[in-house]
Amino acid sequence: MRLHYLLFAFLILFLVPSPGDAFIQKTIQKVFCRLRGGRCAVFSCLAREEQIGQCSRRGRKCCRIKRKYKIQSDTIWPFGGSPLRGV
């Protein structure tokens, strides 16, 4: 019976992440990068890409292809209102 307790303790030690590992944080940052239409680059973004965030603390960058146009916040809309709130 005591052997079971010892094995359980070793199992807990292997499953608990080490301090400073930030496994959950890295995973969340990668998911948000993918949701924003990006990819995680190891060193830097390619020439046709722009950096939109970071995938990790150690320098991995979130990059996506540059857009040809940008929506201006002062654009006049034909029916009034704003595209960011309900018309």
Protein backbone atom coordinates (compact mmCIF):
# COMPACT_ATOMS: atom_id res chain seq x y z
CA MET A 1 0.00 0.00 0.00
CA ARG A 2 2.83 2.40 0.79
CA LEU A 3 4.18 1.86 -2.70
CA HIS A 4 0.97 3.34 -4.14
CA TYR A 5 1.46 6.53 -2.14
CA LEU A 6 5.04 6.83 -3.39
CA LEU A 7 4.00 6.34 -7.02
CA PHE A 8 1.20 8.86 -6.62
CA ALA A 9 3.67 11.43 -5.22
CA PHE A 10 6.02 10.93 -8.21
CA LEU A 11 3.10 11.26 -10.60
CA ILE A 12 2.11 14.59 -9.03
CA LEU A 13 5.72 15.85 -9.27
CA PHE A 14 5.88 15.07 -13.00
CA LEU A 15 2.50 16.61 -13.80
CA VAL A 16 2.98 19.89 -11.93
CA PRO A 17 4.78 22.45 -14.12
CA SER A 18 7.97 23.98 -12.86
CA PRO A 19 7.87 27.62 -11.67
CA GLY A 20 8.41 30.06 -14.50
CA ASP A 21 7.46 27.58 -17.21
CA ALA A 22 4.21 29.42 -18.08
CA PHE A 23 2.89 26.52 -20.17
CA ILE A 24 -0.70 27.74 -19.95
CA GLN A 25 0.24 31.32 -20.85
CA LYS A 26 2.22 30.22 -23.93
CA THR A 27 -0.66 28.07 -25.12
CA ILE A 28 -3.18 30.90 -24.72
CA GLN A 29 -0.92 33.35 -26.61
CA LYS A 30 -0.53 30.87 -29.48
CA VAL A 31 -4.30 30.36 -29.67
CA PHE A 32 -4.96 34.13 -29.75
CA CYS A 33 -2.34 34.53 -32.47
CA ARG A 34 -4.10 31.92 -34.61
CA LEU A 35 -7.50 33.52 -33.93
CA ARG A 36 -6.17 36.87 -35.20
CA GLY A 37 -5.09 35.19 -38.44
CA GLY A 38 -1.40 34.98 -37.59
CA ARG A 39 1.36 32.46 -37.20
CA CYS A 40 4.16 32.14 -34.65
CA ALA A 41 7.56 32.97 -36.16
CA VAL A 42 10.76 31.84 -34.45
CA PHE A 43 13.07 34.75 -35.27
CA SER A 44 11.27 37.47 -37.22
CA CYS A 45 8.38 38.06 -39.59
CA LEU A 46 8.83 37.66 -43.33
CA ALA A 47 9.03 40.72 -45.60
CA ARG A 48 5.35 40.52 -46.58
CA GLU A 49 4.19 40.09 -42.97
CA GLU A 50 3.66 42.45 -40.05
CA GLN A 51 4.04 41.74 -36.35
CA ILE A 52 0.72 41.77 -34.50
CA GLY A 53 1.83 40.39 -31.14
CA GLN A 54 4.02 37.87 -29.36
CA CYS A 55 3.68 34.12 -28.96
CA SER A 56 6.10 33.81 -26.05
CA ARG A 57 8.29 35.83 -23.73
CA ARG A 58 11.47 34.58 -25.38
CA GLY A 59 10.99 36.44 -28.64
CA ARG A 60 8.63 34.37 -30.78
CA LYS A 61 6.54 36.82 -32.76
CA CYS A 62 2.97 36.59 -34.01
CA CYS A 63 2.98 37.57 -37.70
CA ARG A 64 0.31 37.87 -40.36
CA ILE A 65 0.27 38.95 -43.99
CA LYS A 66 0.09 42.73 -44.40
CA ARG A 67 -3.31 44.03 -45.39
CA LYS A 68 -3.60 46.16 -48.50
CA TYR A 69 -6.08 48.51 -46.88
CA LYS A 70 -6.83 49.79 -43.41
CA ILE A 71 -10.19 50.96 -42.11
CA GLN A 72 -9.91 54.52 -40.87
CA SER A 73 -11.78 55.39 -37.69
CA ASP A 74 -12.90 58.73 -39.16
CA THR A 75 -14.51 57.17 -42.26
CA ILE A 76 -17.96 58.54 -43.07
CA TRP A 77 -20.52 55.78 -43.47
CA PRO A 78 -23.43 56.30 -45.90
CA PHE A 79 -26.20 55.37 -43.46
CA GLY A 80 -24.80 57.11 -40.40
CA GLY A 81 -23.54 55.45 -37.29
CA SER A 82 -20.28 53.66 -36.91
CA PRO A 83 -19.17 50.20 -38.09
CA LEU A 84 -17.97 49.42 -34.56
CA ARG A 85 -21.34 49.84 -32.87
CA GLY A 86 -24.90 48.97 -33.88
CA VAL A 87 -26.37 51.05 -36.68
